[in-house]
N, C-alpha and C. Protein backbone atom coordinates (compact mmCIF):
# COMPACT_ATOMS: atom_id res chain seq x y z
N MET A 1 34.77 31.87 -14.10
CA MET A 1 34.05 31.87 -15.35
C MET A 1 33.38 30.74 -14.86
N LYS A 2 33.59 29.75 -13.65
CA LYS A 2 32.46 28.86 -13.30
C LYS A 2 30.97 29.73 -12.40
N ARG A 3 31.81 31.07 -11.62
CA ARG A 3 30.82 31.64 -11.03
C ARG A 3 29.95 32.35 -11.97
N ASP A 4 30.35 32.17 -13.31
CA ASP A 4 29.52 33.50 -13.99
C ASP A 4 28.60 32.11 -14.44
N LYS A 5 28.71 31.06 -15.06
CA LYS A 5 28.25 29.89 -15.28
C LYS A 5 26.91 29.98 -14.27
N ARG A 6 27.50 29.79 -13.11
CA ARG A 6 26.16 29.35 -11.75
C ARG A 6 25.19 30.76 -11.84
N ILE A 7 25.77 32.07 -11.77
CA ILE A 7 25.04 32.88 -11.99
C ILE A 7 23.88 32.98 -12.56
N LYS A 8 24.55 32.48 -13.87
CA LYS A 8 23.35 32.79 -15.25
C LYS A 8 22.28 31.87 -15.48
N LEU A 9 23.11 30.49 -14.72
CA LEU A 9 22.17 29.12 -14.66
C LEU A 9 20.55 29.49 -13.23
N LEU A 10 21.52 30.46 -12.50
CA LEU A 10 20.08 30.66 -11.13
C LEU A 10 19.63 32.00 -11.65
N ARG A 11 20.41 32.47 -12.11
CA ARG A 11 19.03 33.84 -13.54
C ARG A 11 17.93 32.85 -14.20
N THR A 12 18.29 32.18 -14.93
CA THR A 12 17.37 31.16 -15.76
C THR A 12 16.63 30.59 -14.74
N ILE A 13 16.76 30.03 -14.04
CA ILE A 13 15.85 28.81 -13.24
C ILE A 13 15.26 30.14 -12.47
N LYS A 14 15.55 31.23 -11.91
CA LYS A 14 14.55 32.65 -11.24
C LYS A 14 13.52 32.63 -12.63
N GLU A 15 13.64 32.93 -13.69
CA GLU A 15 13.65 33.67 -14.87
C GLU A 15 12.43 32.47 -15.10
N HIS A 16 12.56 31.52 -14.75
CA HIS A 16 11.45 30.36 -15.14
C HIS A 16 10.42 29.93 -14.41
N VAL A 17 10.89 29.70 -13.29
CA VAL A 17 9.80 30.21 -12.16
C VAL A 17 8.74 30.97 -12.18
N SER A 18 9.72 32.38 -12.58
CA SER A 18 8.74 33.72 -12.68
C SER A 18 7.83 33.57 -13.12
N ASN A 19 8.13 33.18 -14.38
CA ASN A 19 7.30 33.25 -16.02
C ASN A 19 6.26 31.85 -15.74
N ASN A 20 6.39 31.04 -14.95
CA ASN A 20 5.27 30.33 -14.63
C ASN A 20 4.56 30.15 -13.65
N LYS A 21 4.92 31.16 -12.70
CA LYS A 21 4.42 30.99 -11.19
C LYS A 21 2.78 30.83 -10.92
N LYS A 22 2.00 31.11 -11.77
CA LYS A 22 0.60 30.35 -11.47
C LYS A 22 0.59 28.83 -11.42
N GLU A 23 2.04 28.36 -12.40
CA GLU A 23 1.81 26.88 -13.07
C GLU A 23 1.93 25.89 -11.61
N TYR A 24 3.28 27.02 -11.44
CA TYR A 24 3.74 26.05 -9.93
C TYR A 24 3.31 26.19 -9.03
N ILE A 25 2.64 27.37 -8.73
CA ILE A 25 1.69 27.75 -7.49
C ILE A 25 0.60 26.49 -7.36
N ILE A 26 -0.21 26.12 -8.32
CA ILE A 26 -0.81 25.35 -9.12
C ILE A 26 -0.44 23.51 -8.56
N VAL A 27 0.70 23.27 -9.28
CA VAL A 27 1.47 22.01 -9.35
C VAL A 27 1.50 22.09 -7.95
N ALA A 28 2.52 22.96 -6.98
CA ALA A 28 2.94 22.76 -5.85
C ALA A 28 1.82 22.60 -4.84
N LEU A 29 0.83 23.38 -4.65
CA LEU A 29 -0.46 23.34 -4.27
C LEU A 29 -1.01 21.19 -4.12
N LEU A 30 -1.15 21.50 -5.36
CA LEU A 30 -1.42 19.64 -5.66
C LEU A 30 -0.47 18.54 -4.54
N PHE A 31 0.45 19.11 -4.52
CA PHE A 31 1.38 17.90 -4.44
C PHE A 31 1.35 18.54 -2.41
N VAL A 32 1.78 19.26 -1.88
CA VAL A 32 1.00 19.75 -0.41
C VAL A 32 -0.12 19.33 -0.25
N ILE A 33 -1.45 18.91 -0.71
CA ILE A 33 -2.51 18.45 -0.49
C ILE A 33 -2.26 17.01 -0.67
N GLY A 34 -1.50 16.25 -1.46
CA GLY A 34 -1.04 14.37 -1.36
C GLY A 34 -0.64 14.72 -0.20
N ILE A 35 0.47 15.33 0.06
CA ILE A 35 1.21 15.37 1.43
C ILE A 35 0.30 15.65 2.61
N PHE A 36 -0.57 16.57 2.89
CA PHE A 36 -2.05 16.12 4.15
C PHE A 36 -2.51 14.80 3.90
N LEU A 37 -2.82 14.34 2.56
CA LEU A 37 -3.65 13.14 2.61
C LEU A 37 -2.81 11.86 2.83
N GLY A 38 -1.40 11.89 2.93
CA GLY A 38 -0.77 10.72 3.18
C GLY A 38 -0.87 10.32 5.08
N VAL A 39 -1.10 11.95 5.50
CA VAL A 39 -0.53 11.88 6.73
C VAL A 39 -1.80 11.65 7.32
N LEU A 40 -3.03 12.33 7.05
CA LEU A 40 -4.55 11.95 7.13
C LEU A 40 -4.84 10.43 7.39
N PHE A 41 -4.29 9.38 6.38
CA PHE A 41 -4.50 8.19 5.93
C PHE A 41 -4.18 7.55 6.99
N ILE A 42 -2.85 8.00 7.27
CA ILE A 42 -2.21 7.00 8.15
C ILE A 42 -2.97 7.22 9.91
N ASN A 43 -3.18 8.59 10.08
CA ASN A 43 -3.73 8.94 11.08
C ASN A 43 -5.47 8.38 11.45
N HIS A 44 -6.02 8.23 10.27
CA HIS A 44 -7.51 7.32 10.34
C HIS A 44 -7.41 5.58 9.88
N ILE A 45 -6.68 4.84 9.63
CA ILE A 45 -6.70 3.41 9.23
C ILE A 45 -6.88 2.81 10.79
N GLN A 46 -7.41 1.71 10.71
CA GLN A 46 -7.62 1.04 11.72
C GLN A 46 -6.55 0.44 12.28
N GLU A 47 -6.79 0.00 13.45
CA GLU A 47 -5.62 -0.70 14.11
C GLU A 47 -5.10 -1.70 13.70
N GLY A 48 -5.98 -2.70 13.13
CA GLY A 48 -5.13 -4.33 12.06
C GLY A 48 -4.43 -3.35 11.01
N GLN A 49 -5.10 -2.66 10.18
CA GLN A 49 -3.87 -2.03 9.16
C GLN A 49 -2.60 -1.30 10.20
N LYS A 50 -2.92 -0.72 11.06
CA LYS A 50 -1.59 -0.07 11.69
C LYS A 50 -0.30 -0.86 12.36
N THR A 51 -1.31 -2.48 12.88
CA THR A 51 -0.57 -3.24 13.44
C THR A 51 0.59 -3.77 12.22
N GLU A 52 -0.10 -4.03 10.69
CA GLU A 52 0.20 -4.28 10.19
C GLU A 52 2.00 -3.76 9.30
N ILE A 53 1.61 -2.44 9.38
CA ILE A 53 2.71 -1.64 9.14
C ILE A 53 3.39 -1.34 9.60
N THR A 54 3.71 -1.18 11.24
CA THR A 54 4.46 -1.32 12.15
C THR A 54 5.17 -2.76 12.13
N GLU A 55 4.74 -4.17 11.20
CA GLU A 55 5.68 -4.92 12.18
C GLU A 55 6.62 -4.89 10.43
N TYR A 56 5.45 -4.65 9.06
CA TYR A 56 6.71 -4.11 8.19
C TYR A 56 7.81 -3.05 8.52
N PHE A 57 7.54 -2.27 9.40
CA PHE A 57 8.89 -1.51 9.12
C PHE A 57 9.74 -1.23 10.10
N LYS A 58 8.98 -2.97 11.12
CA LYS A 58 10.33 -2.88 12.16
C LYS A 58 11.27 -4.20 11.25
N ALA A 59 10.69 -4.92 10.17
CA ALA A 59 11.12 -6.05 9.50
C ALA A 59 12.43 -5.29 8.85
N PHE A 60 12.28 -4.16 7.94
CA PHE A 60 12.39 -3.51 7.05
C PHE A 60 13.48 -2.61 7.95
N ILE A 61 14.03 -2.33 8.85
CA ILE A 61 14.69 -2.15 9.81
C ILE A 61 15.45 -2.72 10.21
N GLU A 62 14.83 -4.23 10.89
CA GLU A 62 15.93 -5.12 11.32
C GLU A 62 16.72 -5.81 9.82
N LYS A 63 16.33 -5.65 8.95
CA LYS A 63 16.98 -6.30 7.86
C LYS A 63 18.22 -5.01 7.59
N MET A 64 17.85 -4.59 7.53
CA MET A 64 19.03 -3.37 7.34
C MET A 64 19.95 -3.06 8.29
N LYS A 65 19.43 -3.43 9.72
CA LYS A 65 20.97 -3.46 10.45
C LYS A 65 21.16 -4.73 10.42
N ASN A 66 20.98 -5.70 9.78
CA ASN A 66 21.08 -7.10 9.93
C ASN A 66 22.44 -7.32 8.31
N MET A 67 22.15 -6.51 7.33
CA MET A 67 22.56 -6.57 5.61
C MET A 67 24.10 -6.19 6.25
N GLU A 68 24.70 -6.60 6.27
CA GLU A 68 26.21 -6.44 5.92
C GLU A 68 27.04 -5.89 4.42
N GLU A 69 26.42 -5.57 3.39
CA GLU A 69 26.71 -4.79 2.22
C GLU A 69 25.52 -4.84 1.45
N LEU A 70 25.27 -3.83 0.93
CA LEU A 70 24.14 -3.06 0.28
C LEU A 70 24.86 -3.49 -1.71
N ASP A 71 23.53 -3.97 -1.97
CA ASP A 71 24.15 -3.63 -3.41
C ASP A 71 23.48 -2.78 -3.86
N SER A 72 24.70 -1.48 -4.07
CA SER A 72 24.20 -0.38 -4.43
C SER A 72 23.50 -0.17 -5.80
N MET A 73 24.52 -0.97 -6.64
CA MET A 73 24.20 -1.08 -8.16
C MET A 73 23.12 -1.69 -8.60
N ALA A 74 22.73 -2.55 -7.36
CA ALA A 74 20.78 -2.96 -8.35
C ALA A 74 20.31 -1.91 -7.80
N LEU A 75 20.51 -1.33 -6.58
CA LEU A 75 20.00 -0.42 -6.27
C LEU A 75 19.34 0.44 -6.78
N LEU A 76 20.47 1.40 -7.34
CA LEU A 76 20.64 2.42 -8.49
C LEU A 76 19.95 2.23 -9.49
N ARG A 77 20.17 0.63 -10.19
CA ARG A 77 19.25 0.43 -11.06
C ARG A 77 17.70 0.46 -11.18
N ASN A 78 17.32 -0.01 -10.04
CA ASN A 78 15.90 0.49 -9.56
C ASN A 78 15.44 1.43 -9.73
N SER A 79 16.13 2.59 -8.58
CA SER A 79 15.69 3.76 -8.21
C SER A 79 15.83 4.60 -9.88
N MET A 80 16.78 4.46 -10.92
CA MET A 80 16.96 5.41 -11.72
C MET A 80 15.79 4.50 -12.98
N GLY A 81 15.34 3.40 -13.15
CA GLY A 81 14.67 2.75 -13.56
C GLY A 81 13.40 2.83 -13.58
N GLN A 82 13.11 3.50 -12.09
CA GLN A 82 11.75 4.00 -12.15
C GLN A 82 11.95 5.85 -11.90
N ASN A 83 12.74 6.41 -11.64
CA ASN A 83 12.68 7.54 -12.25
C ASN A 83 12.61 7.69 -13.30
N ILE A 84 13.24 6.85 -14.34
CA ILE A 84 12.99 7.41 -15.82
C ILE A 84 11.69 6.89 -16.46
N ILE A 85 10.93 6.17 -15.69
CA ILE A 85 9.69 5.82 -16.01
C ILE A 85 8.39 6.93 -15.75
N LEU A 86 8.79 7.79 -14.80
CA LEU A 86 8.07 8.56 -14.52
C LEU A 86 8.44 9.40 -14.91
N ALA A 87 9.67 9.98 -15.59
CA ALA A 87 10.06 10.99 -16.40
C ALA A 87 9.47 10.69 -18.03
N ILE A 88 9.30 9.84 -18.12
CA ILE A 88 8.77 9.45 -19.68
C ILE A 88 7.12 9.55 -19.01
N VAL A 89 6.50 8.85 -18.65
CA VAL A 89 4.87 8.99 -18.32
C VAL A 89 4.62 10.58 -18.11
N LEU A 90 5.25 11.48 -17.45
CA LEU A 90 5.04 13.19 -17.32
C LEU A 90 5.35 13.51 -18.91
N TRP A 91 6.43 13.29 -19.68
CA TRP A 91 6.48 13.80 -20.78
C TRP A 91 4.95 13.21 -21.64
N PHE A 92 4.76 12.35 -21.84
CA PHE A 92 3.87 11.72 -22.76
C PHE A 92 3.14 12.46 -21.89
N PHE A 93 2.01 12.17 -21.08
CA PHE A 93 0.67 13.45 -21.23
C PHE A 93 0.89 14.37 -20.22
N GLY A 94 1.71 14.96 -20.64
CA GLY A 94 2.00 16.44 -20.52
C GLY A 94 1.82 16.83 -22.20
N THR A 95 2.05 15.36 -23.22
CA THR A 95 2.27 16.42 -24.31
C THR A 95 0.43 16.06 -25.37
N THR A 96 -0.41 15.73 -24.38
CA THR A 96 -1.67 15.21 -24.90
C THR A 96 -2.76 16.39 -24.37
N VAL A 97 -3.83 16.86 -24.43
CA VAL A 97 -4.52 17.26 -23.84
C VAL A 97 -5.51 16.92 -22.71
N ILE A 98 -5.92 15.79 -23.11
CA ILE A 98 -6.46 14.68 -22.31
C ILE A 98 -5.62 14.54 -21.03
N GLY A 99 -4.57 14.06 -21.13
CA GLY A 99 -3.29 13.65 -20.18
C GLY A 99 -3.09 14.74 -19.01
N ILE A 100 -3.33 15.94 -19.18
CA ILE A 100 -3.00 16.69 -17.92
C ILE A 100 -3.48 16.14 -16.44
N PRO A 101 -5.05 15.73 -16.61
CA PRO A 101 -5.27 15.36 -15.40
C PRO A 101 -4.35 14.59 -14.84
N VAL A 102 -4.34 12.99 -15.37
CA VAL A 102 -3.13 12.34 -14.97
C VAL A 102 -1.59 12.89 -14.53
N VAL A 103 -1.00 14.02 -15.43
CA VAL A 103 -0.04 14.79 -14.82
C VAL A 103 -0.20 15.13 -12.96
N PHE A 104 -1.44 15.71 -13.04
CA PHE A 104 -2.01 16.51 -12.10
C PHE A 104 -1.79 14.54 -10.79
N GLY A 105 -2.58 14.29 -11.07
CA GLY A 105 -3.00 12.95 -10.51
C GLY A 105 -1.41 12.15 -9.67
N ILE A 106 -0.40 12.37 -10.75
CA ILE A 106 0.83 11.45 -10.18
C ILE A 106 1.19 12.79 -9.01
N VAL A 107 1.07 13.67 -9.92
CA VAL A 107 2.09 14.60 -8.37
C VAL A 107 1.76 14.72 -7.28
N LEU A 108 -0.34 14.60 -7.50
CA LEU A 108 -0.50 14.30 -6.06
C LEU A 108 -0.31 12.80 -5.19
N TYR A 109 -0.28 11.81 -6.48
CA TYR A 109 0.27 10.85 -5.70
C TYR A 109 1.63 10.42 -4.99
N ARG A 110 2.49 11.19 -5.56
CA ARG A 110 3.96 11.56 -4.88
C ARG A 110 3.93 11.91 -3.65
N GLY A 111 2.98 13.18 -3.65
CA GLY A 111 2.78 14.35 -2.26
C GLY A 111 2.08 13.14 -1.24
N PHE A 112 1.01 12.39 -1.47
CA PHE A 112 0.61 11.23 -0.82
C PHE A 112 1.81 10.36 -0.57
N CYS A 113 2.38 9.46 -1.12
CA CYS A 113 3.39 8.84 -0.72
C CYS A 113 4.53 9.14 0.16
N LEU A 114 4.80 10.72 -0.09
CA LEU A 114 5.89 11.53 0.39
C LEU A 114 5.35 11.48 2.32
N GLY A 115 3.75 12.05 2.16
CA GLY A 115 2.73 12.38 3.87
C GLY A 115 3.43 10.88 4.56
N TYR A 116 2.64 9.87 3.48
CA TYR A 116 2.37 8.62 3.92
C TYR A 116 3.98 8.21 5.11
N THR A 117 5.05 8.19 3.68
CA THR A 117 6.07 7.72 4.72
C THR A 117 6.37 8.38 6.11
N ILE A 118 6.70 9.95 5.36
CA ILE A 118 6.84 10.52 6.94
C ILE A 118 6.22 10.20 7.66
N ALA A 119 4.32 10.18 8.23
CA ALA A 119 3.91 9.87 8.97
C ALA A 119 4.17 8.31 9.95
N VAL A 120 4.26 7.42 8.72
CA VAL A 120 4.53 6.19 9.35
C VAL A 120 5.85 6.24 10.20
N CYS A 121 6.79 6.98 9.74
CA CYS A 121 7.94 7.25 10.94
C CYS A 121 7.67 7.59 12.05
N VAL A 122 7.19 9.08 11.69
CA VAL A 122 6.96 9.38 13.52
C VAL A 122 5.35 8.64 13.93
N THR A 123 4.52 7.74 13.12
CA THR A 123 3.84 7.13 14.04
C THR A 123 4.66 5.77 14.91
N ILE A 124 5.28 5.45 14.13
CA ILE A 124 5.93 3.92 14.93
C ILE A 124 7.17 4.80 15.42
N LEU A 125 7.92 5.29 15.24
CA LEU A 125 9.17 5.60 15.80
C LEU A 125 9.13 6.66 17.14
N GLY A 126 8.32 7.39 17.19
CA GLY A 126 7.95 8.93 17.73
C GLY A 126 7.90 10.17 17.17
N LEU A 127 7.56 11.08 17.58
CA LEU A 127 8.24 12.09 16.79
C LEU A 127 9.35 12.76 16.72
N PRO A 128 10.41 12.92 18.12
CA PRO A 128 11.59 13.42 17.24
C PRO A 128 12.57 12.51 16.11
N GLN A 129 12.49 10.43 16.77
CA GLN A 129 13.06 10.10 15.97
C GLN A 129 12.47 9.39 14.95
N GLY A 130 11.62 9.61 14.90
CA GLY A 130 10.43 9.79 12.99
C GLY A 130 10.62 10.47 12.73
N LEU A 131 10.92 11.63 12.82
CA LEU A 131 11.18 12.95 12.18
C LEU A 131 12.72 12.60 11.29
N TRP A 132 13.58 12.49 12.42
CA TRP A 132 15.04 12.18 12.02
C TRP A 132 14.87 11.06 11.17
N PHE A 133 14.31 10.43 11.14
CA PHE A 133 14.43 8.85 10.64
C PHE A 133 14.13 9.31 8.86
N ALA A 134 12.92 9.83 8.93
CA ALA A 134 12.17 10.36 7.62
C ALA A 134 13.68 11.58 6.75
N LEU A 135 14.01 12.15 7.71
CA LEU A 135 14.68 13.30 6.87
C LEU A 135 15.86 12.59 6.46
N ILE A 136 16.48 11.57 6.93
CA ILE A 136 18.14 11.09 6.53
C ILE A 136 17.21 9.63 5.43
N LEU A 137 16.35 9.37 5.86
CA LEU A 137 15.41 8.28 4.26
C LEU A 137 15.11 9.38 3.08
N LEU A 138 14.51 10.67 3.43
CA LEU A 138 14.07 11.03 1.98
C LEU A 138 14.78 12.63 1.37
N PHE A 139 15.34 13.23 2.94
CA PHE A 139 15.93 14.70 2.22
C PHE A 139 16.65 15.01 1.22
N LEU A 140 17.41 14.42 1.10
CA LEU A 140 18.72 14.96 -0.44
C LEU A 140 17.99 14.27 -0.90
N GLN A 141 17.53 13.59 -1.48
CA GLN A 141 17.37 13.40 -2.86
C GLN A 141 16.08 13.91 -3.24
N ASN A 142 15.23 14.08 -1.91
CA ASN A 142 13.79 15.05 -2.35
C ASN A 142 14.50 16.53 -2.91
N ILE A 143 15.54 17.29 -2.54
CA ILE A 143 15.95 18.46 -2.90
C ILE A 143 16.53 18.39 -4.25
N LEU A 144 16.63 17.56 -5.48
CA LEU A 144 16.44 17.58 -6.37
C LEU A 144 14.94 16.84 -7.63
N PHE A 145 14.61 15.59 -6.72
CA PHE A 145 13.39 15.35 -6.68
C PHE A 145 12.10 15.88 -7.54
N ILE A 146 11.85 16.36 -5.90
CA ILE A 146 10.74 16.85 -6.12
C ILE A 146 10.84 18.59 -6.78
N PRO A 147 11.59 19.28 -6.78
CA PRO A 147 11.59 19.90 -7.95
C PRO A 147 11.46 20.09 -9.36
N ALA A 148 12.35 18.37 -9.71
CA ALA A 148 12.05 18.09 -10.94
C ALA A 148 10.82 17.58 -11.37
N MET A 149 10.21 16.73 -10.50
CA MET A 149 9.10 16.47 -10.86
C MET A 149 8.20 17.69 -11.02
N LEU A 150 8.10 18.55 -10.20
CA LEU A 150 7.09 19.61 -10.57
C LEU A 150 7.19 20.60 -11.68
N ALA A 151 8.69 20.72 -12.39
CA ALA A 151 9.24 21.19 -12.99
C ALA A 151 8.31 20.44 -14.73
N LEU A 152 8.48 19.09 -14.17
CA LEU A 152 7.96 18.63 -15.91
C LEU A 152 6.24 18.53 -15.84
N ALA A 153 5.50 18.71 -14.50
CA ALA A 153 4.26 18.95 -14.50
C ALA A 153 3.95 20.14 -15.14
N VAL A 154 4.51 21.18 -14.44
CA VAL A 154 4.39 22.39 -14.94
C VAL A 154 4.91 22.83 -16.67
N SER A 155 6.26 22.15 -16.52
CA SER A 155 6.07 22.43 -18.28
C SER A 155 4.95 21.30 -18.98
N GLY A 156 4.11 20.17 -18.93
CA GLY A 156 3.84 19.51 -19.24
C GLY A 156 2.15 20.30 -19.35
N PHE A 157 1.82 21.03 -18.14
CA PHE A 157 0.49 21.74 -17.91
C PHE A 157 0.30 23.50 -18.89
N LYS A 158 1.67 23.77 -19.28
CA LYS A 158 2.05 24.96 -20.02
C LYS A 158 2.30 24.39 -21.65
N LEU A 159 2.07 23.62 -21.81
CA LEU A 159 2.20 23.21 -23.29
C LEU A 159 0.74 22.60 -23.47
N TYR A 160 -0.33 22.11 -22.37
CA TYR A 160 -1.53 22.04 -22.80
C TYR A 160 -2.42 23.71 -22.54
N LYS A 161 -1.46 24.08 -21.81
CA LYS A 161 -2.23 25.50 -22.04
C LYS A 161 -2.08 26.17 -23.62
N SER A 162 -0.79 25.70 -23.84
CA SER A 162 -0.72 26.40 -24.97
C SER A 162 -1.36 25.78 -26.39
N ILE A 163 -1.36 24.87 -26.22
CA ILE A 163 -2.57 24.22 -27.90
C ILE A 163 -4.16 24.60 -27.28
N ILE A 164 -4.18 24.74 -25.98
CA ILE A 164 -5.45 25.31 -25.51
C ILE A 164 -6.04 27.10 -26.35
N LYS A 165 -4.88 27.58 -26.22
CA LYS A 165 -5.28 28.66 -26.59
C LYS A 165 -4.73 29.22 -28.37
N ASP A 166 -3.92 28.24 -28.55
CA ASP A 166 -3.28 28.23 -30.09
C ASP A 166 -3.40 27.00 -30.78
N ARG A 167 -4.15 26.92 -31.70
CA ARG A 167 -4.66 25.90 -32.70
C ARG A 167 -3.30 25.57 -33.63
N ASN A 168 -2.33 26.67 -33.82
CA ASN A 168 -1.48 26.72 -35.12
C ASN A 168 -0.43 25.00 -35.04
N LYS A 169 -0.13 24.35 -36.11
CA LYS A 169 0.23 23.66 -36.03
C LYS A 169 1.59 23.53 -35.31
N GLU A 170 2.13 24.75 -36.37
CA GLU A 170 3.96 25.13 -36.32
C GLU A 170 4.12 25.32 -34.92
N ASN A 171 3.48 26.43 -34.82
CA ASN A 171 3.68 26.97 -32.93
C ASN A 171 3.24 25.54 -31.75
N ILE A 172 2.17 24.62 -32.21
CA ILE A 172 2.17 23.74 -31.30
C ILE A 172 3.32 22.53 -31.11
N LYS A 173 3.93 22.54 -32.70
CA LYS A 173 4.84 21.50 -32.59
C LYS A 173 6.55 22.35 -31.85
N ILE A 174 6.65 23.86 -31.79
CA ILE A 174 7.84 24.35 -31.07
C ILE A 174 7.67 23.96 -29.93
N GLU A 175 6.17 24.01 -29.36
CA GLU A 175 5.74 23.85 -27.44
C GLU A 175 6.41 22.54 -27.85
N VAL A 176 5.80 21.34 -28.20
CA VAL A 176 6.22 20.29 -27.99
C VAL A 176 7.41 19.94 -28.16
N VAL A 177 8.60 20.63 -29.14
CA VAL A 177 9.94 20.67 -28.93
C VAL A 177 10.78 21.12 -27.51
N ARG A 178 10.13 21.90 -27.21
CA ARG A 178 10.88 22.80 -25.96
C ARG A 178 10.04 21.96 -24.58
N HIS A 179 8.95 21.13 -24.82
CA HIS A 179 8.44 20.25 -23.38
C HIS A 179 9.57 18.67 -23.31
N THR A 180 9.53 18.38 -24.70
CA THR A 180 10.61 17.32 -25.33
C THR A 180 11.98 17.43 -24.31
N ILE A 181 12.54 19.00 -24.89
CA ILE A 181 14.47 19.20 -24.41
C ILE A 181 14.47 19.54 -22.81
N PHE A 182 12.88 20.34 -22.40
CA PHE A 182 13.10 20.82 -20.77
C PHE A 182 13.05 19.34 -20.10
N SER A 183 12.03 17.75 -20.30
CA SER A 183 11.55 16.73 -19.56
C SER A 183 13.14 16.20 -19.65
N PHE A 184 14.12 16.04 -20.49
CA PHE A 184 15.06 15.65 -21.07
C PHE A 184 16.16 15.88 -19.82
N LEU A 185 15.95 17.46 -19.97
CA LEU A 185 16.45 18.03 -18.62
C LEU A 185 16.60 17.66 -16.88
N MET A 186 14.77 17.50 -17.07
CA MET A 186 14.65 17.23 -15.92
C MET A 186 14.95 15.53 -15.48
N LEU A 187 15.08 14.79 -16.60
CA LEU A 187 15.45 13.77 -16.84
C LEU A 187 16.40 13.30 -15.89
N LEU A 188 17.88 14.01 -16.72
CA LEU A 188 19.05 14.27 -16.03
C LEU A 188 19.00 14.90 -14.61
N ILE A 189 18.52 15.41 -13.83
CA ILE A 189 18.46 15.91 -13.20
C ILE A 189 17.55 14.61 -11.59
N LEU A 190 16.71 13.76 -12.51
CA LEU A 190 16.08 13.04 -11.97
C LEU A 190 16.97 11.85 -11.67
N ILE A 191 18.02 11.64 -12.88
CA ILE A 191 18.88 10.46 -12.51
C ILE A 191 19.93 11.04 -11.29
N VAL A 192 20.29 11.90 -10.94
CA VAL A 192 20.94 12.88 -10.41
C VAL A 192 20.44 12.29 -8.55
N ALA A 193 18.92 12.54 -9.11
CA ALA A 193 18.85 12.31 -7.58
C ALA A 193 18.67 10.61 -6.71
N SER A 194 18.47 9.67 -8.16
CA SER A 194 18.78 8.74 -7.77
C SER A 194 20.04 7.84 -6.93
N VAL A 195 21.42 8.59 -7.97
CA VAL A 195 22.51 8.18 -7.38
C VAL A 195 22.74 8.58 -6.07
N ILE A 196 21.89 10.15 -5.57
CA ILE A 196 22.38 10.96 -4.09
C ILE A 196 20.92 9.99 -3.33
N GLU A 197 20.50 9.29 -3.84
CA GLU A 197 19.51 8.24 -2.75
C GLU A 197 20.15 7.10 -2.68
N ILE A 198 20.84 6.65 -3.43
CA ILE A 198 21.53 5.31 -3.11
C ILE A 198 22.83 5.25 -2.36
N PHE A 199 23.40 6.75 -2.93
CA PHE A 199 24.99 6.95 -3.00
C PHE A 199 25.36 7.45 -1.55
N LEU A 200 24.46 8.11 -0.99
CA LEU A 200 24.55 9.07 -0.19
C LEU A 200 23.14 8.71 1.43
N SER A 201 21.85 8.94 0.85
CA SER A 201 20.94 8.38 1.74
C SER A 201 21.00 7.30 2.33
N THR A 202 20.66 5.90 1.31
CA THR A 202 20.57 5.25 1.29
C THR A 202 21.85 4.22 2.73
N ASN A 203 23.01 5.13 2.05
CA ASN A 203 24.14 4.36 2.94
C ASN A 203 24.62 5.08 4.50
N LEU A 204 23.92 6.36 4.47
CA LEU A 204 23.64 7.32 5.66
C LEU A 204 23.13 6.29 6.35
N LEU A 205 21.94 6.11 6.02
CA LEU A 205 21.01 5.53 6.53
C LEU A 205 21.20 4.09 6.98
N LYS A 206 22.51 3.15 6.14
CA LYS A 206 22.40 1.84 6.68
C LYS A 206 23.70 2.29 7.90
N ALA A 207 24.29 3.47 7.91
CA ALA A 207 25.63 3.97 8.62
C ALA A 207 25.01 4.04 10.34
N ILE A 208 23.63 4.56 10.34
CA ILE A 208 22.78 4.76 11.24
C ILE A 208 21.49 4.58 12.03
N ILE A 209 21.28 3.40 11.22
CA ILE A 209 20.26 3.31 11.59
C ILE A 209 20.38 1.86 12.91
N LYS A 210 20.76 1.43 13.29
CA LYS A 210 21.25 0.79 14.58
C LYS A 210 20.86 1.45 16.01
N TYR A 211 20.72 3.18 15.70
CA TYR A 211 20.26 4.01 16.78
C TYR A 211 18.97 4.21 17.15
N PHE A 212 18.40 3.54 15.74
CA PHE A 212 16.92 2.79 15.98
C PHE A 212 16.25 2.05 16.36
């Protein structure tokens, strides 16, 4: 029974991505461009800025090493709060015609932040250690976070295209309801990503940070 549900879920996801292939390509491309911009930014900053970033990064590592116990619930509330705000903002601007550039801007910015973080880790710790550090810090939660965020952006983009093509108010209302329900489902995934970030990624980082 569970296996049948998993197969049905995977089929539904595959159909959704296939039906919105162009939108996913555009949104994913924006995200990748953001990653490259983040990497380029770190590679072209001035020496003084690089020194400040290095000092901040090393202070973060030392703080993690010396911290006996993490306040997991406070970190979880903070992470969940940020993800809830992100979902609401993407949902809201996705329901407005003029808001779609904001949606694209958020995707670009999140890509930039990811590229920036990876580049900082590699620049300060070196290639092997930096990649491992970034992998531990970012990988687990982003398995869910990135697809959910891109799906939210695609849902808004799809609604935008529906509004442009079809001026019928009833049809638009139906599309808005679909976008809202889909956004809520993605919000649940973002909340799960927060739980993974705090209880898996952060605790894993805490356990092995003494080796960096």
